[in-house]
Amino acid sequence: MPRPRSDTKFHVFPHENTSIWWVWFWQDPEHKKPRKRISTATLSTGPLSQDEYSLEQAQELVNAVTGVKSAPAAHSNTRLSVAWTLEYMEDRIIGVEGKRKATWYHYRSSLLMFQEIYGPSYNLANFKPADVYDYQSAVVKKGKSPVTVNTYCRGMAAVFHRLAKSGLIKANPFAEFDRVREPKKKKHLETDEFDKFIGEVAKIEDHGIAHLLMILAYTGIRRSEVLNIARSDVDMENNRFVVTNIKSRDGERRRLSIPVKAREHFAYFMNLEGDFPFHICQPNCLGRWAKYCMDMAEIPGGHTHWLRHTFITRILHSGATLREAQHIAGHTTISTTERNYAHDEMEYYEIPDGDF
């Protein structure tokens, strides 16, 4: 099969004995392995030749059979194309803003889904608020859950927000998108469920794991935070400890009191050796133990984060203000505390010992 005559052309040809047409890009005709597959499309056998195709023509062929939106006549590296935006956002979020890679992966997954629907050459400047509904419908048709659809929309809203803030686009089309209705999900434990969970934790033979789960249940901190508590962070005499917010870019530290129910569990680790006595396992291991205890307590679908939701909700219903709950939870904004942890449907009761 003849090679394309240019290193800026795409070449479309059929795979032997199938109706699959492959789209390849020759980056360097002189290279030993010049072909780089960029996209595939299932085409009915027809009058397609094996001639060279420009980027726009090759993309149109793929769009015609995959159902993606028509892309503007522009190279994939053109400013504000999806492919260009992926590189721009990675440089900005990690390089300029200094955020964690986990944050970038959230934006990246949203952009990759957008690219899967509209194509890599689609110019984001052409996307309007009226197109949001079509985008949501396309994601739903791919079998994604309402929660995932809303996650992708929030990701794209953040992408467009940064583009608008940089003056690359005029307005954010996702600024006020209508969320897809999500099914009601359980996020916390009721009183009897919490008591059953504590009972199952007490049966764990690995005392270190049991004490860690007890601390999570009675403090509401994250599992990764409890594992990173240093010996110098705990003041047993004054019943205080310091926790580092691992989700904060600056490693923000907050001071919390040790609840009465958690004191003996903190004391267990303070009697161990080492500067980081709490770090006896990995977060995933702790999560598996939490799920195991919830399964044994006949609480299906359990998750470690339910302990955090339960604790914050309990202190809110026991009289704590949103501002106090925000500090305990380590949230950057108070709206996060109000939106995610103020469960009106949960029972109202006082916290045992009330020492928070």
Protein backbone atom coordinates (compact mmCIF):
# COMPACT_ATOMS: atom_id res chain seq x y z
CA MET A 1 0.00 0.00 0.00
CA PRO A 2 1.52 3.34 -0.99
CA ARG A 3 2.45 5.83 1.66
CA PRO A 4 1.00 9.32 1.63
CA ARG A 5 3.21 11.87 -0.03
CA SER A 6 2.96 14.35 2.81
CA ASP A 7 3.54 14.19 6.55
CA THR A 8 0.49 16.40 7.14
CA LYS A 9 -2.06 14.09 5.55
CA PHE A 10 -4.30 11.35 6.85
CA HIS A 11 -4.79 8.08 5.06
CA VAL A 12 -7.92 5.93 5.19
CA PHE A 13 -7.91 2.30 4.10
CA PRO A 14 -9.83 -0.91 4.94
CA HIS A 15 -8.61 -3.70 7.14
CA GLU A 16 -8.42 -6.98 5.24
CA ASN A 17 -11.60 -9.08 5.18
CA THR A 18 -13.56 -6.62 7.36
CA SER A 19 -15.62 -3.49 7.02
CA ILE A 20 -13.42 -1.62 9.47
CA TRP A 21 -11.70 1.41 8.04
CA TRP A 22 -8.61 2.63 9.85
CA VAL A 23 -7.51 6.24 9.96
CA TRP A 24 -3.74 6.65 10.26
CA PHE A 25 -1.51 9.68 10.47
CA TRP A 26 2.01 9.70 9.01
CA GLN A 27 4.12 11.89 11.28
CA ASP A 28 7.36 11.26 9.41
CA PRO A 29 7.45 9.35 6.11
CA GLU A 30 11.11 8.46 6.63
CA HIS A 31 10.60 6.99 10.09
CA LYS A 32 10.72 3.23 10.51
CA LYS A 33 7.28 3.20 12.15
CA PRO A 34 5.55 6.21 10.65
CA ARG A 35 1.96 5.14 11.17
CA LYS A 36 0.00 6.34 14.19
CA ARG A 37 -3.62 5.29 14.49
CA ILE A 38 -5.80 8.14 15.71
CA SER A 39 -9.33 6.95 15.14
CA THR A 40 -11.40 4.07 13.82
CA ALA A 41 -14.83 3.89 12.24
CA THR A 42 -17.05 1.06 11.12
CA LEU A 43 -18.07 1.77 7.54
CA SER A 44 -20.18 -0.20 5.15
CA THR A 45 -18.08 -1.29 2.22
CA GLY A 46 -18.48 1.30 -0.45
CA PRO A 47 -16.79 3.52 -3.01
CA LEU A 48 -14.08 4.78 -0.67
CA SER A 49 -10.67 4.92 -2.25
CA GLN A 50 -7.27 4.60 -0.65
CA ASP A 51 -6.28 8.10 -1.61
CA GLU A 52 -4.95 10.71 0.74
CA TYR A 53 -7.38 12.64 2.88
CA SER A 54 -6.89 15.96 4.57
CA LEU A 55 -7.53 16.18 8.30
CA GLU A 56 -10.96 17.70 7.75
CA GLN A 57 -11.95 15.05 5.18
CA ALA A 58 -10.76 12.19 7.37
CA GLN A 59 -12.60 13.63 10.37
CA GLU A 60 -15.78 14.00 8.32
CA LEU A 61 -15.56 10.32 7.36
CA VAL A 62 -15.28 9.33 11.00
CA ASN A 63 -18.02 11.74 12.09
CA ALA A 64 -20.41 10.39 9.46
CA VAL A 65 -20.46 6.91 10.95
CA THR A 66 -19.84 7.56 14.65
CA GLY A 67 -22.53 10.20 14.99
CA VAL A 68 -20.30 12.90 16.44
CA LYS A 69 -21.04 16.54 15.77
CA SER A 70 -19.52 18.17 12.73
CA ALA A 71 -16.17 19.70 13.50
CA PRO A 72 -15.09 23.05 12.12
CA ALA A 73 -12.56 23.09 9.29
CA ALA A 74 -9.50 23.47 11.43
CA HIS A 75 -6.46 21.46 12.42
CA SER A 76 -6.66 19.57 15.72
CA ASN A 77 -3.93 21.82 17.10
CA THR A 78 -5.92 24.93 16.29
CA ARG A 79 -6.49 27.26 19.21
CA LEU A 80 -9.57 26.25 21.28
CA SER A 81 -10.00 22.88 19.59
CA VAL A 82 -10.64 20.06 22.07
CA ALA A 83 -7.16 18.63 21.43
CA TRP A 84 -5.55 22.04 22.02
CA THR A 85 -7.64 22.63 25.14
CA LEU A 86 -6.49 19.34 26.64
CA GLU A 87 -2.86 20.47 26.45
CA TYR A 88 -3.69 24.00 27.58
CA MET A 89 -5.67 22.86 30.64
CA GLU A 90 -2.97 20.40 31.70
CA ASP A 91 -0.32 23.12 31.58
CA ARG A 92 -2.55 25.58 33.39
CA ILE A 93 -3.93 23.35 36.16
CA ILE A 94 -0.69 21.54 37.02
CA GLY A 95 1.94 24.05 35.90
CA VAL A 96 0.38 27.45 36.60
CA GLU A 97 -2.20 26.77 39.31
CA GLY A 98 -0.11 24.08 40.97
CA LYS A 99 -3.01 21.73 41.60
CA ARG A 100 -2.66 18.01 42.14
CA LYS A 101 -2.71 15.54 39.25
CA ALA A 102 -5.91 14.06 40.66
CA THR A 103 -7.59 17.41 40.01
CA TRP A 104 -6.31 17.45 36.44
CA TYR A 105 -7.62 13.93 35.84
CA HIS A 106 -11.12 15.17 36.64
CA TYR A 107 -10.87 17.86 33.97
CA ARG A 108 -9.20 15.45 31.58
CA SER A 109 -11.97 12.84 31.82
CA SER A 110 -14.58 15.54 31.13
CA LEU A 111 -12.68 16.79 28.09
CA LEU A 112 -12.15 13.28 26.76
CA MET A 113 -15.88 12.60 26.93
CA PHE A 114 -16.51 15.92 25.15
CA GLN A 115 -13.96 14.89 22.52
CA GLU A 116 -15.61 11.49 22.12
CA ILE A 117 -18.89 13.22 21.23
CA TYR A 118 -17.72 16.21 19.20
CA GLY A 119 -14.33 15.12 17.88
CA PRO A 120 -10.80 16.45 18.62
CA SER A 121 -11.07 19.32 16.11
CA TYR A 122 -14.26 20.82 17.50
CA ASN A 123 -13.79 24.46 18.41
CA LEU A 124 -15.04 25.12 21.92
CA ALA A 125 -15.81 28.73 21.00
CA ASN A 126 -18.70 27.38 18.90
CA PHE A 127 -20.38 25.68 21.86
CA LYS A 128 -23.40 27.63 23.12
CA PRO A 129 -25.70 27.27 26.17
CA ALA A 130 -28.38 25.89 23.84
CA ASP A 131 -26.05 22.96 23.04
CA VAL A 132 -25.80 21.78 26.66
CA TYR A 133 -28.99 19.72 26.42
CA ASP A 134 -27.73 17.94 23.30
CA TYR A 135 -24.45 17.23 25.08
CA GLN A 136 -26.22 15.75 28.11
CA SER A 137 -28.42 13.62 25.87
CA ALA A 138 -25.37 12.31 24.01
CA VAL A 139 -23.67 11.32 27.28
CA VAL A 140 -26.85 9.59 28.50
CA LYS A 141 -27.04 7.64 25.23
CA LYS A 142 -23.57 6.29 25.97
CA GLY A 143 -25.03 4.54 29.00
CA LYS A 144 -23.69 6.93 31.65
CA SER A 145 -25.60 7.37 34.91
CA PRO A 146 -27.18 10.72 35.88
CA VAL A 147 -24.46 11.18 38.50
CA THR A 148 -21.75 10.72 35.87
CA VAL A 149 -23.51 13.07 33.43
CA ASN A 150 -23.62 15.82 36.06
CA THR A 151 -19.97 15.17 36.92
CA TYR A 152 -18.96 15.63 33.28
CA CYS A 153 -21.04 18.82 33.09
CA ARG A 154 -19.37 20.24 36.19
CA GLY A 155 -16.00 19.37 34.71
CA MET A 156 -16.79 21.17 31.46
CA ALA A 157 -18.19 24.12 33.42
CA ALA A 158 -14.83 24.41 35.18
CA VAL A 159 -12.97 24.16 31.84
CA PHE A 160 -15.08 26.85 30.19
CA HIS A 161 -14.81 29.02 33.31
CA ARG A 162 -11.03 29.06 33.00
CA LEU A 163 -11.20 29.73 29.27
CA ALA A 164 -13.59 32.64 29.85
CA LYS A 165 -11.44 33.97 32.69
CA SER A 166 -8.44 33.95 30.34
CA GLY A 167 -10.39 35.85 27.68
CA LEU A 168 -10.31 32.96 25.21
CA ILE A 169 -14.11 32.75 25.05
CA LYS A 170 -16.81 35.32 25.85
CA ALA A 171 -19.00 33.34 28.25
CA ASN A 172 -19.27 29.99 30.00
CA PRO A 173 -22.07 27.97 28.31
CA PHE A 174 -22.21 25.60 31.31
CA ALA A 175 -22.55 28.43 33.83
CA GLU A 176 -26.19 27.61 34.63
CA PHE A 177 -26.83 24.15 33.21
CA ASP A 178 -29.82 22.10 34.42
CA ARG A 179 -28.62 19.07 36.33
CA VAL A 180 -29.89 15.65 35.31
CA ARG A 181 -32.05 14.32 38.12
CA GLU A 182 -30.05 11.87 40.20
CA PRO A 183 -31.51 8.95 42.15
CA LYS A 184 -31.53 9.39 45.87
CA LYS A 185 -28.44 7.75 47.35
CA LYS A 186 -27.72 6.68 50.89
CA LYS A 187 -24.80 8.63 52.34
CA HIS A 188 -25.00 8.14 56.08
CA LEU A 189 -25.88 5.63 58.79
CA GLU A 190 -28.99 5.81 60.93
CA THR A 191 -28.71 5.38 64.68
CA ASP A 192 -29.29 1.62 64.76
CA GLU A 193 -27.01 1.08 61.73
CA PHE A 194 -24.23 3.10 63.36
CA ASP A 195 -24.49 1.04 66.56
CA LYS A 196 -24.37 -2.23 64.56
CA PHE A 197 -21.32 -0.98 62.65
CA ILE A 198 -19.49 -0.11 65.88
CA GLY A 199 -20.33 -3.56 67.19
CA GLU A 200 -18.79 -5.24 64.15
CA VAL A 201 -15.67 -3.05 64.35
CA ALA A 202 -15.16 -4.17 67.96
CA LYS A 203 -14.95 -7.77 66.71
CA ILE A 204 -11.97 -7.13 64.39
CA GLU A 205 -8.92 -9.05 65.59
CA ASP A 206 -6.53 -6.49 64.08
CA HIS A 207 -6.72 -3.91 66.86
CA GLY A 208 -4.93 -1.24 64.85
CA ILE A 209 -7.55 -1.33 62.08
CA ALA A 210 -10.35 -1.34 64.66
CA HIS A 211 -8.98 1.74 66.42
CA LEU A 212 -8.57 3.59 63.10
CA LEU A 213 -12.19 2.89 62.14
CA MET A 214 -13.34 4.09 65.55
CA ILE A 215 -11.43 7.35 65.08
CA LEU A 216 -13.05 7.84 61.68
CA ALA A 217 -16.50 7.21 63.16
CA TYR A 218 -16.06 9.63 66.06
CA THR A 219 -14.09 12.47 64.41
CA GLY A 220 -15.41 12.68 60.82
CA ILE A 221 -11.96 13.16 59.30
CA ARG A 222 -10.95 11.52 56.02
CA ARG A 223 -9.28 8.11 55.98
CA SER A 224 -6.17 9.53 54.29
CA GLU A 225 -6.01 12.25 56.94
CA VAL A 226 -6.08 9.89 59.90
CA LEU A 227 -3.27 7.80 58.38
CA ASN A 228 -1.06 10.90 58.09
CA ILE A 229 -1.38 12.07 61.69
CA ALA A 230 2.07 12.45 63.24
CA ARG A 231 2.93 11.90 66.88
CA SER A 232 3.62 15.63 67.24
CA ASP A 233 0.10 16.39 66.01
CA VAL A 234 -1.59 14.86 69.05
CA ASP A 235 -1.84 16.51 72.48
CA MET A 236 -3.46 13.93 74.74
CA GLU A 237 -3.09 16.12 77.82
CA ASN A 238 -5.29 18.87 76.38
CA ASN A 239 -7.39 16.54 74.20
CA ARG A 240 -6.38 18.24 70.96
CA PHE A 241 -4.99 17.06 67.66
CA VAL A 242 -4.02 18.63 64.35
CA VAL A 243 -5.03 17.15 61.01
CA THR A 244 -3.62 18.07 57.59
CA ASN A 245 -6.14 18.58 54.81
CA ILE A 246 -4.64 16.41 52.08
CA LYS A 247 -7.14 17.83 49.56
CA SER A 248 -5.80 21.34 50.10
CA ARG A 249 -3.12 22.59 47.71
CA ASP A 250 -1.32 24.33 50.56
CA GLY A 251 -1.65 21.43 52.99
CA GLU A 252 -3.93 23.42 55.29
CA ARG A 253 -3.89 22.21 58.91
CA ARG A 254 -6.85 22.46 61.26
CA ARG A 255 -6.98 21.99 65.02
CA LEU A 256 -9.69 19.75 66.42
CA SER A 257 -10.66 18.45 69.84
CA ILE A 258 -10.50 14.74 70.60
CA PRO A 259 -14.05 13.53 71.35
CA VAL A 260 -14.58 11.52 74.52
CA LYS A 261 -15.45 8.40 72.50
CA ALA A 262 -12.19 8.66 70.53
CA ARG A 263 -9.69 9.25 73.33
CA GLU A 264 -8.86 5.62 74.05
CA HIS A 265 -8.35 5.00 70.33
CA PHE A 266 -5.89 7.91 70.02
CA ALA A 267 -4.11 6.66 73.15
CA TYR A 268 -3.61 3.24 71.55
CA PHE A 269 -1.54 4.72 68.72
CA MET A 270 0.34 7.14 70.96
CA ASN A 271 1.66 4.10 72.85
CA LEU A 272 3.17 2.71 69.64
CA GLU A 273 6.64 3.58 68.35
CA GLY A 274 7.54 5.81 65.42
CA ASP A 275 6.83 9.36 64.29
CA PHE A 276 3.72 8.30 62.34
CA PRO A 277 2.12 5.57 64.50
CA PHE A 278 -1.27 5.96 62.77
CA HIS A 279 0.10 4.98 59.36
CA ILE A 280 -0.31 1.23 59.71
CA CYS A 281 -2.06 0.58 56.38
CA GLN A 282 -3.10 2.19 53.10
CA PRO A 283 -6.41 4.07 52.59
CA ASN A 284 -7.82 1.34 50.34
CA CYS A 285 -7.14 -1.29 52.98
CA LEU A 286 -9.00 0.78 55.57
CA GLY A 287 -11.86 1.22 53.11
CA ARG A 288 -12.16 -2.52 52.59
CA TRP A 289 -12.36 -3.11 56.33
CA ALA A 290 -15.06 -0.46 56.69
CA LYS A 291 -17.10 -2.07 53.91
CA TYR A 292 -16.61 -5.50 55.48
CA CYS A 293 -17.97 -4.29 58.82
CA MET A 294 -20.95 -2.66 57.12
CA ASP A 295 -21.68 -5.83 55.19
CA MET A 296 -21.53 -7.84 58.42
CA ALA A 297 -23.93 -5.30 59.96
CA GLU A 298 -26.27 -5.89 56.99
CA ILE A 299 -25.75 -2.40 55.59
CA PRO A 300 -25.45 -2.93 51.80
CA GLY A 301 -23.30 -0.70 49.62
CA GLY A 302 -21.33 0.67 52.54
CA HIS A 303 -18.43 3.07 52.08
CA THR A 304 -15.87 4.64 54.41
CA HIS A 305 -17.12 8.12 53.53
CA TRP A 306 -20.49 7.27 55.08
CA LEU A 307 -18.81 7.57 58.49
CA ARG A 308 -17.79 11.14 57.63
CA HIS A 309 -21.28 12.03 56.38
CA THR A 310 -22.82 10.50 59.51
CA PHE A 311 -20.56 12.42 61.89
CA ILE A 312 -20.99 15.82 60.24
CA THR A 313 -24.75 15.35 59.96
CA ARG A 314 -25.00 14.33 63.61
CA ILE A 315 -23.16 17.38 64.91
CA LEU A 316 -25.29 19.66 62.71
CA HIS A 317 -28.47 18.14 64.10
CA SER A 318 -27.07 18.40 67.61
CA GLY A 319 -26.80 22.17 67.39
CA ALA A 320 -23.47 22.90 65.70
CA THR A 321 -23.47 25.75 63.18
CA LEU A 322 -22.58 25.31 59.53
CA ARG A 323 -19.41 27.32 60.12
CA GLU A 324 -18.31 24.96 62.91
CA ALA A 325 -19.12 21.92 60.78
CA GLN A 326 -17.17 23.44 57.89
CA HIS A 327 -14.08 23.78 60.06
CA ILE A 328 -14.36 20.23 61.42
CA ALA A 329 -14.87 18.79 57.93
CA GLY A 330 -12.10 20.91 56.40
CA HIS A 331 -14.21 22.29 53.56
CA THR A 332 -12.94 25.27 51.59
CA THR A 333 -16.44 26.74 51.14
CA ILE A 334 -19.43 26.57 53.47
CA SER A 335 -21.70 25.69 50.54
CA THR A 336 -20.02 22.27 50.34
CA THR A 337 -20.96 21.56 53.94
CA GLU A 338 -24.53 22.70 53.44
CA ARG A 339 -25.03 20.84 50.15
CA ASN A 340 -23.44 17.51 51.04
CA TYR A 341 -23.90 17.01 54.75
CA ALA A 342 -27.11 18.66 55.95
CA HIS A 343 -29.43 15.65 55.53
CA ASP A 344 -32.92 16.73 56.58
CA GLU A 345 -34.22 13.17 56.49
CA MET A 346 -31.86 11.92 59.19
CA GLU A 347 -33.09 11.42 62.74
CA TYR A 348 -32.57 14.27 65.20
CA TYR A 349 -30.74 13.26 68.35
CA GLU A 350 -27.97 14.41 70.62
CA ILE A 351 -24.41 13.21 70.17
CA PRO A 352 -23.31 10.89 72.98
CA ASP A 353 -21.02 12.82 75.38
CA GLY A 354 -21.50 15.92 73.22
CA ASP A 355 -17.78 16.70 73.36
CA PHE A 356 -16.90 18.05 69.93
